[in-house]
């Protein structure tokens, strides 16, 4: 085991609407995987800068499209599987750790992935957190469970 192991830092977002539904995004490299937007922090960025850069790159949304921002009170992490680590350019990266934000989309805004600069996602759909948690993807399951509980108890109250 290397002494140089680390978690990649970044920011993630839960985009939600007036109906209390969240936006799920289908990955371009695997359309069967639906997830929440997230991305890695550049060396010269703050978490909030990472949030807005990644959000624009992946969804074409900007701060002007958002009605309300709520920062999750702690960082959340997940570990990569051993199999996934063998495919990484740096196998010392053992997972990711993110500062998460809940972003309420303004009612008139439509997410148009064709305008995104990165083509990470091919589709978006509005669903419940329960639907997200019912999907087979397990890598981020505990993170999504924690976000779901906070969403239900703090955001939708």
N, C-alpha and C. Protein backbone atom coordinates (compact mmCIF):
# COMPACT_ATOMS: atom_id res chain seq x y z
N UNK A 1 0.84 -1.18 0.00
CA UNK A 1 0.00 0.00 0.00
C UNK A 1 0.88 1.24 0.00
N UNK A 2 0.55 2.17 -0.87
CA UNK A 2 1.33 3.40 -0.99
C UNK A 2 1.01 4.37 0.14
N UNK A 3 2.02 5.11 0.57
CA UNK A 3 1.80 6.15 1.57
C UNK A 3 1.24 7.42 0.93
N UNK A 4 1.14 7.44 -0.38
CA UNK A 4 0.70 8.64 -1.10
C UNK A 4 -0.77 8.56 -1.50
N UNK A 5 -1.57 7.75 -0.83
CA UNK A 5 -2.97 7.64 -1.18
C UNK A 5 -3.73 8.92 -0.80
N UNK A 6 -4.74 9.24 -1.59
CA UNK A 6 -5.50 10.46 -1.35
C UNK A 6 -6.92 10.33 -1.90
N UNK A 7 -7.79 11.22 -1.45
CA UNK A 7 -9.13 11.39 -2.00
C UNK A 7 -9.11 12.63 -2.88
N UNK A 8 -9.71 12.53 -4.04
CA UNK A 8 -9.83 13.68 -4.94
C UNK A 8 -10.94 14.60 -4.42
N UNK A 9 -10.61 15.85 -4.18
CA UNK A 9 -11.57 16.83 -3.66
C UNK A 9 -12.38 17.45 -4.78
N UNK A 10 -13.63 17.80 -4.45
CA UNK A 10 -14.47 18.43 -5.45
C UNK A 10 -15.76 18.96 -4.86
N UNK A 11 -16.69 19.29 -5.74
CA UNK A 11 -18.00 19.82 -5.34
C UNK A 11 -19.08 19.05 -6.08
N UNK A 12 -20.20 18.87 -5.40
CA UNK A 12 -21.34 18.19 -6.01
C UNK A 12 -22.60 19.00 -5.81
N UNK A 13 -23.61 18.72 -6.63
CA UNK A 13 -24.84 19.49 -6.51
C UNK A 13 -26.07 18.60 -6.64
N UNK A 14 -27.07 18.96 -5.85
CA UNK A 14 -28.39 18.37 -5.94
C UNK A 14 -29.28 19.48 -6.48
N UNK A 15 -29.67 19.39 -7.73
CA UNK A 15 -30.53 20.38 -8.35
C UNK A 15 -31.97 19.92 -8.14
N UNK A 16 -32.80 20.81 -7.59
CA UNK A 16 -34.18 20.41 -7.33
C UNK A 16 -35.13 21.51 -7.78
N UNK A 17 -36.42 21.12 -7.92
CA UNK A 17 -37.42 22.06 -8.41
C UNK A 17 -38.50 22.31 -7.36
N UNK A 18 -39.49 23.12 -7.71
CA UNK A 18 -40.57 23.47 -6.79
C UNK A 18 -41.37 22.26 -6.32
N UNK A 19 -41.40 21.21 -7.13
CA UNK A 19 -42.16 20.00 -6.78
C UNK A 19 -41.38 19.09 -5.84
N UNK A 20 -40.14 19.46 -5.51
CA UNK A 20 -39.32 18.63 -4.63
C UNK A 20 -38.65 17.47 -5.33
N UNK A 21 -38.63 17.53 -6.66
CA UNK A 21 -37.95 16.49 -7.44
C UNK A 21 -36.51 16.92 -7.70
N UNK A 22 -35.63 15.94 -7.88
CA UNK A 22 -34.22 16.23 -8.15
C UNK A 22 -33.88 15.85 -9.59
N UNK A 23 -32.92 16.57 -10.16
CA UNK A 23 -32.48 16.29 -11.51
C UNK A 23 -31.42 15.20 -11.48
N UNK A 24 -31.69 14.12 -12.21
CA UNK A 24 -30.73 13.04 -12.38
C UNK A 24 -30.20 13.08 -13.79
N UNK A 25 -28.93 12.74 -13.93
CA UNK A 25 -28.25 12.86 -15.22
C UNK A 25 -27.68 11.52 -15.65
N UNK A 26 -27.90 11.16 -16.91
CA UNK A 26 -27.36 9.92 -17.48
C UNK A 26 -25.95 10.18 -18.00
N UNK A 27 -25.03 9.35 -17.59
CA UNK A 27 -23.63 9.51 -18.01
C UNK A 27 -23.47 9.18 -19.49
N UNK A 28 -22.65 9.94 -20.17
CA UNK A 28 -22.40 9.68 -21.58
C UNK A 28 -21.59 8.42 -21.80
N UNK A 29 -20.76 8.03 -20.82
CA UNK A 29 -19.95 6.81 -20.97
C UNK A 29 -20.70 5.56 -20.51
N UNK A 30 -21.88 5.74 -19.90
CA UNK A 30 -22.70 4.61 -19.48
C UNK A 30 -24.11 5.12 -19.22
N UNK A 31 -24.96 5.05 -20.22
CA UNK A 31 -26.31 5.63 -20.14
C UNK A 31 -27.18 4.95 -19.09
N UNK A 32 -26.75 3.78 -18.58
CA UNK A 32 -27.52 3.11 -17.54
C UNK A 32 -27.22 3.66 -16.15
N UNK A 33 -26.22 4.53 -16.04
CA UNK A 33 -25.87 5.13 -14.75
C UNK A 33 -26.43 6.55 -14.69
N UNK A 34 -27.30 6.77 -13.70
CA UNK A 34 -27.87 8.09 -13.44
C UNK A 34 -27.26 8.61 -12.16
N UNK A 35 -26.87 9.87 -12.16
CA UNK A 35 -26.18 10.42 -10.99
C UNK A 35 -26.46 11.90 -10.83
N UNK A 36 -25.93 12.43 -9.73
CA UNK A 36 -25.95 13.87 -9.47
C UNK A 36 -24.66 14.47 -10.01
N UNK A 37 -24.69 15.72 -10.47
CA UNK A 37 -23.47 16.34 -10.99
C UNK A 37 -22.43 16.54 -9.89
N UNK A 38 -21.19 16.31 -10.24
CA UNK A 38 -20.08 16.52 -9.32
C UNK A 38 -18.81 16.66 -10.15
N UNK A 39 -17.80 17.27 -9.56
CA UNK A 39 -16.55 17.41 -10.30
C UNK A 39 -15.40 17.77 -9.39
N UNK A 40 -14.22 17.56 -9.92
CA UNK A 40 -13.00 17.78 -9.16
C UNK A 40 -12.57 19.23 -9.11
N UNK A 41 -11.94 19.55 -7.99
CA UNK A 41 -11.47 20.91 -7.73
C UNK A 41 -10.10 21.11 -8.36
N UNK A 42 -9.95 22.22 -9.07
CA UNK A 42 -8.64 22.61 -9.59
C UNK A 42 -7.82 23.22 -8.45
N UNK A 43 -6.51 23.20 -8.60
CA UNK A 43 -5.60 23.63 -7.51
C UNK A 43 -5.86 25.06 -7.04
N UNK A 44 -6.28 25.93 -7.93
CA UNK A 44 -6.44 27.35 -7.58
C UNK A 44 -7.89 27.73 -7.27
N UNK A 45 -8.78 26.76 -7.03
CA UNK A 45 -10.19 27.04 -6.84
C UNK A 45 -10.65 26.87 -5.40
N UNK A 46 -11.71 27.61 -5.07
CA UNK A 46 -12.46 27.35 -3.85
C UNK A 46 -13.54 26.33 -4.20
N UNK A 47 -14.21 25.82 -3.18
CA UNK A 47 -15.31 24.89 -3.42
C UNK A 47 -16.42 25.53 -4.25
N UNK A 48 -16.77 26.75 -3.90
CA UNK A 48 -17.84 27.41 -4.65
C UNK A 48 -17.45 27.67 -6.10
N UNK A 49 -16.21 28.02 -6.35
CA UNK A 49 -15.76 28.19 -7.73
C UNK A 49 -15.86 26.87 -8.50
N UNK A 50 -15.47 25.79 -7.84
CA UNK A 50 -15.58 24.47 -8.46
C UNK A 50 -17.03 24.14 -8.76
N UNK A 51 -17.91 24.41 -7.80
CA UNK A 51 -19.34 24.15 -7.99
C UNK A 51 -19.85 24.81 -9.26
N UNK A 52 -19.62 26.11 -9.42
CA UNK A 52 -20.20 26.85 -10.54
C UNK A 52 -19.52 26.49 -11.86
N UNK A 53 -18.21 26.24 -11.83
CA UNK A 53 -17.51 25.83 -13.06
C UNK A 53 -18.03 24.47 -13.53
N UNK A 54 -18.05 23.51 -12.61
CA UNK A 54 -18.49 22.17 -12.98
C UNK A 54 -19.96 22.17 -13.41
N UNK A 55 -20.79 22.91 -12.70
CA UNK A 55 -22.21 22.97 -13.05
C UNK A 55 -22.39 23.50 -14.46
N UNK A 56 -21.67 24.54 -14.81
CA UNK A 56 -21.78 25.09 -16.15
C UNK A 56 -21.23 24.11 -17.19
N UNK A 57 -20.07 23.53 -16.93
CA UNK A 57 -19.47 22.60 -17.89
C UNK A 57 -20.37 21.40 -18.15
N UNK A 58 -20.99 20.86 -17.10
CA UNK A 58 -21.75 19.62 -17.23
C UNK A 58 -23.22 19.82 -17.57
N UNK A 59 -23.83 20.97 -17.17
CA UNK A 59 -25.27 21.16 -17.35
C UNK A 59 -25.65 22.44 -18.07
N UNK A 60 -24.69 23.34 -18.25
CA UNK A 60 -24.90 24.67 -18.85
C UNK A 60 -25.67 25.61 -17.92
N UNK A 61 -25.89 25.21 -16.67
CA UNK A 61 -26.54 26.09 -15.71
C UNK A 61 -25.53 27.05 -15.10
N UNK A 62 -26.01 28.24 -14.72
CA UNK A 62 -25.18 29.23 -14.06
C UNK A 62 -25.85 29.65 -12.76
N UNK A 63 -25.15 30.45 -11.99
CA UNK A 63 -25.70 30.95 -10.73
C UNK A 63 -26.99 31.73 -10.97
N UNK A 64 -27.15 32.33 -12.13
CA UNK A 64 -28.36 33.10 -12.45
C UNK A 64 -29.58 32.21 -12.66
N UNK A 65 -29.38 30.90 -12.84
CA UNK A 65 -30.49 29.96 -13.01
C UNK A 65 -30.98 29.39 -11.69
N UNK A 66 -30.30 29.74 -10.62
CA UNK A 66 -30.56 29.14 -9.32
C UNK A 66 -31.26 30.15 -8.40
N UNK A 67 -32.31 29.69 -7.76
CA UNK A 67 -33.11 30.54 -6.87
C UNK A 67 -32.58 30.51 -5.43
N UNK A 68 -32.05 29.38 -5.02
CA UNK A 68 -31.62 29.21 -3.63
C UNK A 68 -30.46 28.22 -3.57
N UNK A 69 -29.44 28.53 -2.76
CA UNK A 69 -28.29 27.66 -2.57
C UNK A 69 -28.19 27.31 -1.09
N UNK A 70 -28.12 26.01 -0.80
CA UNK A 70 -27.93 25.55 0.57
C UNK A 70 -26.72 24.62 0.58
N UNK A 71 -25.74 24.98 1.37
CA UNK A 71 -24.51 24.19 1.47
C UNK A 71 -24.71 23.09 2.50
N UNK A 72 -24.40 21.84 2.11
CA UNK A 72 -24.46 20.74 3.06
C UNK A 72 -23.38 20.98 4.12
N UNK A 73 -23.66 20.71 5.41
CA UNK A 73 -22.75 21.14 6.48
C UNK A 73 -21.42 20.40 6.59
N UNK A 74 -21.22 19.32 5.87
CA UNK A 74 -19.95 18.60 5.97
C UNK A 74 -19.56 18.01 4.62
N UNK A 75 -18.31 17.64 4.51
CA UNK A 75 -17.82 16.97 3.30
C UNK A 75 -18.23 15.51 3.36
N UNK A 76 -18.56 14.95 2.20
CA UNK A 76 -18.91 13.53 2.11
C UNK A 76 -17.95 12.84 1.16
N UNK A 77 -17.56 11.61 1.50
CA UNK A 77 -16.61 10.89 0.65
C UNK A 77 -17.13 9.51 0.31
N UNK A 78 -16.54 8.95 -0.75
CA UNK A 78 -16.76 7.54 -1.08
C UNK A 78 -15.46 6.96 -1.61
N UNK A 79 -15.31 5.67 -1.38
CA UNK A 79 -14.11 4.95 -1.83
C UNK A 79 -14.35 4.33 -3.19
N UNK A 80 -13.30 4.31 -3.99
CA UNK A 80 -13.34 3.56 -5.25
C UNK A 80 -13.23 2.07 -4.95
N UNK A 81 -13.77 1.26 -5.81
CA UNK A 81 -13.54 -0.17 -5.72
C UNK A 81 -12.12 -0.47 -6.19
N UNK A 82 -11.58 -1.61 -5.79
CA UNK A 82 -10.24 -2.01 -6.24
C UNK A 82 -10.20 -2.13 -7.76
N UNK A 83 -11.28 -2.66 -8.34
CA UNK A 83 -11.34 -2.83 -9.80
C UNK A 83 -11.29 -1.47 -10.50
N UNK A 84 -12.01 -0.50 -9.99
CA UNK A 84 -12.01 0.83 -10.58
C UNK A 84 -10.64 1.48 -10.46
N UNK A 85 -9.98 1.31 -9.35
CA UNK A 85 -8.66 1.91 -9.15
C UNK A 85 -7.65 1.39 -10.17
N UNK A 86 -7.80 0.16 -10.64
CA UNK A 86 -6.86 -0.38 -11.63
C UNK A 86 -6.99 0.32 -12.97
N UNK A 87 -8.12 0.98 -13.21
CA UNK A 87 -8.35 1.68 -14.48
C UNK A 87 -7.98 3.17 -14.42
N UNK A 88 -7.62 3.65 -13.25
CA UNK A 88 -7.29 5.08 -13.09
C UNK A 88 -5.87 5.37 -13.52
N UNK A 89 -5.64 6.60 -13.97
CA UNK A 89 -4.28 7.00 -14.33
C UNK A 89 -3.39 7.10 -13.09
N UNK A 90 -3.99 7.37 -11.93
CA UNK A 90 -3.23 7.40 -10.69
C UNK A 90 -3.90 6.49 -9.67
N UNK A 91 -3.42 5.26 -9.52
CA UNK A 91 -4.05 4.31 -8.60
C UNK A 91 -3.91 4.70 -7.12
N UNK A 92 -3.16 5.76 -6.80
CA UNK A 92 -3.07 6.24 -5.42
C UNK A 92 -4.33 6.99 -5.00
N UNK A 93 -5.15 7.38 -5.97
CA UNK A 93 -6.42 8.03 -5.65
C UNK A 93 -7.39 6.94 -5.21
N UNK A 94 -7.82 6.99 -3.95
CA UNK A 94 -8.64 5.91 -3.41
C UNK A 94 -10.13 6.25 -3.36
N UNK A 95 -10.49 7.46 -3.78
CA UNK A 95 -11.89 7.85 -3.80
C UNK A 95 -12.04 9.34 -4.00
N UNK A 96 -13.24 9.81 -3.74
CA UNK A 96 -13.52 11.24 -3.90
C UNK A 96 -14.19 11.78 -2.63
N UNK A 97 -13.94 13.05 -2.36
CA UNK A 97 -14.57 13.75 -1.25
C UNK A 97 -15.10 15.07 -1.79
N UNK A 98 -16.38 15.34 -1.49
CA UNK A 98 -17.04 16.51 -2.06
C UNK A 98 -17.73 17.35 -0.99
N UNK A 99 -17.73 18.64 -1.28
CA UNK A 99 -18.63 19.56 -0.58
C UNK A 99 -19.88 19.60 -1.46
N UNK A 100 -21.04 19.33 -0.89
CA UNK A 100 -22.28 19.26 -1.65
C UNK A 100 -23.13 20.52 -1.43
N UNK A 101 -23.87 20.86 -2.47
CA UNK A 101 -24.76 22.01 -2.45
C UNK A 101 -26.13 21.60 -2.99
N UNK A 102 -27.18 22.09 -2.34
CA UNK A 102 -28.54 21.92 -2.82
C UNK A 102 -28.90 23.20 -3.58
N UNK A 103 -29.28 23.04 -4.84
CA UNK A 103 -29.55 24.19 -5.71
C UNK A 103 -30.99 24.14 -6.19
N UNK A 104 -31.78 25.12 -5.77
CA UNK A 104 -33.17 25.19 -6.24
C UNK A 104 -33.21 25.94 -7.56
N UNK A 105 -33.64 25.23 -8.58
CA UNK A 105 -33.70 25.81 -9.92
C UNK A 105 -34.87 26.78 -10.02
N UNK A 106 -34.66 27.91 -10.65
CA UNK A 106 -35.75 28.84 -10.88
C UNK A 106 -36.81 28.15 -11.74
N UNK A 107 -38.10 28.42 -11.47
CA UNK A 107 -39.18 27.69 -12.16
C UNK A 107 -39.16 27.79 -13.67
N UNK A 108 -38.69 28.89 -14.21
CA UNK A 108 -38.73 29.08 -15.66
C UNK A 108 -37.53 28.48 -16.39
N UNK A 109 -36.55 27.99 -15.67
CA UNK A 109 -35.32 27.49 -16.28
C UNK A 109 -35.49 26.03 -16.72
N UNK A 110 -35.01 25.77 -17.94
CA UNK A 110 -35.00 24.42 -18.49
C UNK A 110 -33.54 24.00 -18.66
N UNK A 111 -33.22 22.80 -18.21
CA UNK A 111 -31.85 22.29 -18.36
C UNK A 111 -31.67 21.81 -19.79
N UNK A 112 -30.72 22.40 -20.50
CA UNK A 112 -30.45 22.06 -21.90
C UNK A 112 -29.02 21.55 -22.00
N UNK A 113 -28.85 20.23 -21.98
CA UNK A 113 -27.52 19.64 -22.00
C UNK A 113 -26.77 19.89 -23.30
N UNK A 114 -27.48 20.25 -24.36
CA UNK A 114 -26.81 20.56 -25.63
C UNK A 114 -25.92 21.79 -25.50
N UNK A 115 -26.20 22.63 -24.52
CA UNK A 115 -25.41 23.84 -24.30
C UNK A 115 -24.22 23.61 -23.37
N UNK A 116 -24.13 22.43 -22.76
CA UNK A 116 -23.04 22.14 -21.84
C UNK A 116 -21.72 22.04 -22.61
N UNK A 117 -20.64 22.52 -22.01
CA UNK A 117 -19.34 22.48 -22.69
C UNK A 117 -18.69 21.11 -22.60
N UNK A 118 -18.92 20.39 -21.50
CA UNK A 118 -18.47 18.99 -21.39
C UNK A 118 -19.67 18.13 -21.75
N UNK A 119 -19.42 17.07 -22.43
CA UNK A 119 -20.52 16.18 -22.82
C UNK A 119 -20.55 14.96 -21.90
N UNK A 120 -20.50 15.23 -20.58
CA UNK A 120 -20.49 14.16 -19.59
C UNK A 120 -21.85 13.47 -19.48
N UNK A 121 -22.92 14.23 -19.75
CA UNK A 121 -24.27 13.69 -19.60
C UNK A 121 -25.02 13.76 -20.92
N UNK A 122 -25.89 12.74 -21.14
CA UNK A 122 -26.68 12.69 -22.37
C UNK A 122 -28.16 12.96 -22.15
N UNK A 123 -28.61 12.85 -20.90
CA UNK A 123 -30.03 13.04 -20.62
C UNK A 123 -30.20 13.51 -19.18
N UNK A 124 -31.33 14.16 -18.95
CA UNK A 124 -31.69 14.60 -17.60
C UNK A 124 -33.15 14.23 -17.38
N UNK A 125 -33.48 13.83 -16.15
CA UNK A 125 -34.87 13.55 -15.80
C UNK A 125 -35.10 13.96 -14.36
N UNK A 126 -36.36 14.31 -14.07
CA UNK A 126 -36.76 14.72 -12.72
C UNK A 126 -37.33 13.52 -12.00
N UNK A 127 -36.76 13.23 -10.84
CA UNK A 127 -37.16 12.06 -10.07
C UNK A 127 -37.11 12.38 -8.58
N UNK A 128 -37.50 11.43 -7.78
CA UNK A 128 -37.39 11.54 -6.33
C UNK A 128 -36.05 10.98 -5.89
N UNK A 129 -35.64 11.35 -4.69
CA UNK A 129 -34.44 10.74 -4.11
C UNK A 129 -34.65 9.23 -3.95
N UNK A 130 -35.88 8.82 -3.63
CA UNK A 130 -36.17 7.40 -3.47
C UNK A 130 -35.86 6.65 -4.76
N UNK A 131 -36.20 7.26 -5.89
CA UNK A 131 -35.89 6.62 -7.18
C UNK A 131 -34.37 6.48 -7.35
N UNK A 132 -33.64 7.55 -7.06
CA UNK A 132 -32.18 7.49 -7.17
C UNK A 132 -31.63 6.35 -6.31
N UNK A 133 -32.13 6.24 -5.09
CA UNK A 133 -31.63 5.21 -4.18
C UNK A 133 -32.06 3.80 -4.58
N UNK A 134 -33.05 3.68 -5.46
CA UNK A 134 -33.48 2.37 -5.93
C UNK A 134 -32.63 1.86 -7.10
N UNK A 135 -31.81 2.72 -7.67
CA UNK A 135 -30.99 2.33 -8.82
C UNK A 135 -29.84 1.44 -8.38
N UNK A 136 -29.33 0.61 -9.29
CA UNK A 136 -28.31 -0.36 -8.89
C UNK A 136 -26.93 0.20 -8.59
N UNK A 137 -26.62 1.42 -8.96
CA UNK A 137 -25.29 1.99 -8.71
C UNK A 137 -25.05 2.05 -7.20
N UNK A 138 -23.92 1.51 -6.76
CA UNK A 138 -23.67 1.42 -5.32
C UNK A 138 -22.48 2.24 -4.85
N UNK A 139 -21.62 2.70 -5.75
CA UNK A 139 -20.40 3.40 -5.35
C UNK A 139 -20.69 4.61 -4.45
N UNK A 140 -21.71 5.37 -4.81
CA UNK A 140 -22.03 6.61 -4.09
C UNK A 140 -23.27 6.46 -3.20
N UNK A 141 -23.74 5.24 -3.00
CA UNK A 141 -25.01 5.03 -2.30
C UNK A 141 -25.06 5.70 -0.93
N UNK A 142 -24.03 5.54 -0.11
CA UNK A 142 -24.07 6.13 1.23
C UNK A 142 -24.11 7.65 1.17
N UNK A 143 -23.38 8.23 0.23
CA UNK A 143 -23.43 9.69 0.04
C UNK A 143 -24.85 10.11 -0.32
N UNK A 144 -25.47 9.39 -1.26
CA UNK A 144 -26.82 9.74 -1.69
C UNK A 144 -27.84 9.53 -0.57
N UNK A 145 -27.66 8.53 0.26
CA UNK A 145 -28.56 8.32 1.40
C UNK A 145 -28.46 9.51 2.36
N UNK A 146 -27.24 9.93 2.66
CA UNK A 146 -27.03 11.07 3.56
C UNK A 146 -27.65 12.34 2.99
N UNK A 147 -27.44 12.59 1.70
CA UNK A 147 -28.02 13.77 1.05
C UNK A 147 -29.54 13.70 1.04
N UNK A 148 -30.09 12.52 0.83
CA UNK A 148 -31.54 12.33 0.81
C UNK A 148 -32.15 12.67 2.16
N UNK A 149 -31.53 12.21 3.22
CA UNK A 149 -32.04 12.49 4.57
C UNK A 149 -32.02 13.99 4.85
N UNK A 150 -30.95 14.65 4.51
CA UNK A 150 -30.84 16.09 4.72
C UNK A 150 -31.87 16.83 3.88
N UNK A 151 -32.04 16.41 2.64
CA UNK A 151 -33.00 17.03 1.74
C UNK A 151 -34.40 16.95 2.33
N UNK A 152 -34.77 15.79 2.81
CA UNK A 152 -36.10 15.56 3.38
C UNK A 152 -36.28 16.36 4.67
N UNK A 153 -35.25 16.42 5.52
CA UNK A 153 -35.37 17.04 6.83
C UNK A 153 -35.10 18.54 6.84
N UNK A 154 -34.26 19.03 5.95
CA UNK A 154 -33.86 20.44 5.98
C UNK A 154 -34.34 21.27 4.79
N UNK A 155 -34.35 20.70 3.63
CA UNK A 155 -34.66 21.47 2.42
C UNK A 155 -36.17 21.51 2.18
N UNK A 156 -36.83 20.37 2.30
CA UNK A 156 -38.27 20.29 2.00
C UNK A 156 -39.17 20.63 3.17
N UNK A 157 -38.60 20.92 4.33
CA UNK A 157 -39.41 21.15 5.54
C UNK A 157 -40.34 22.33 5.41
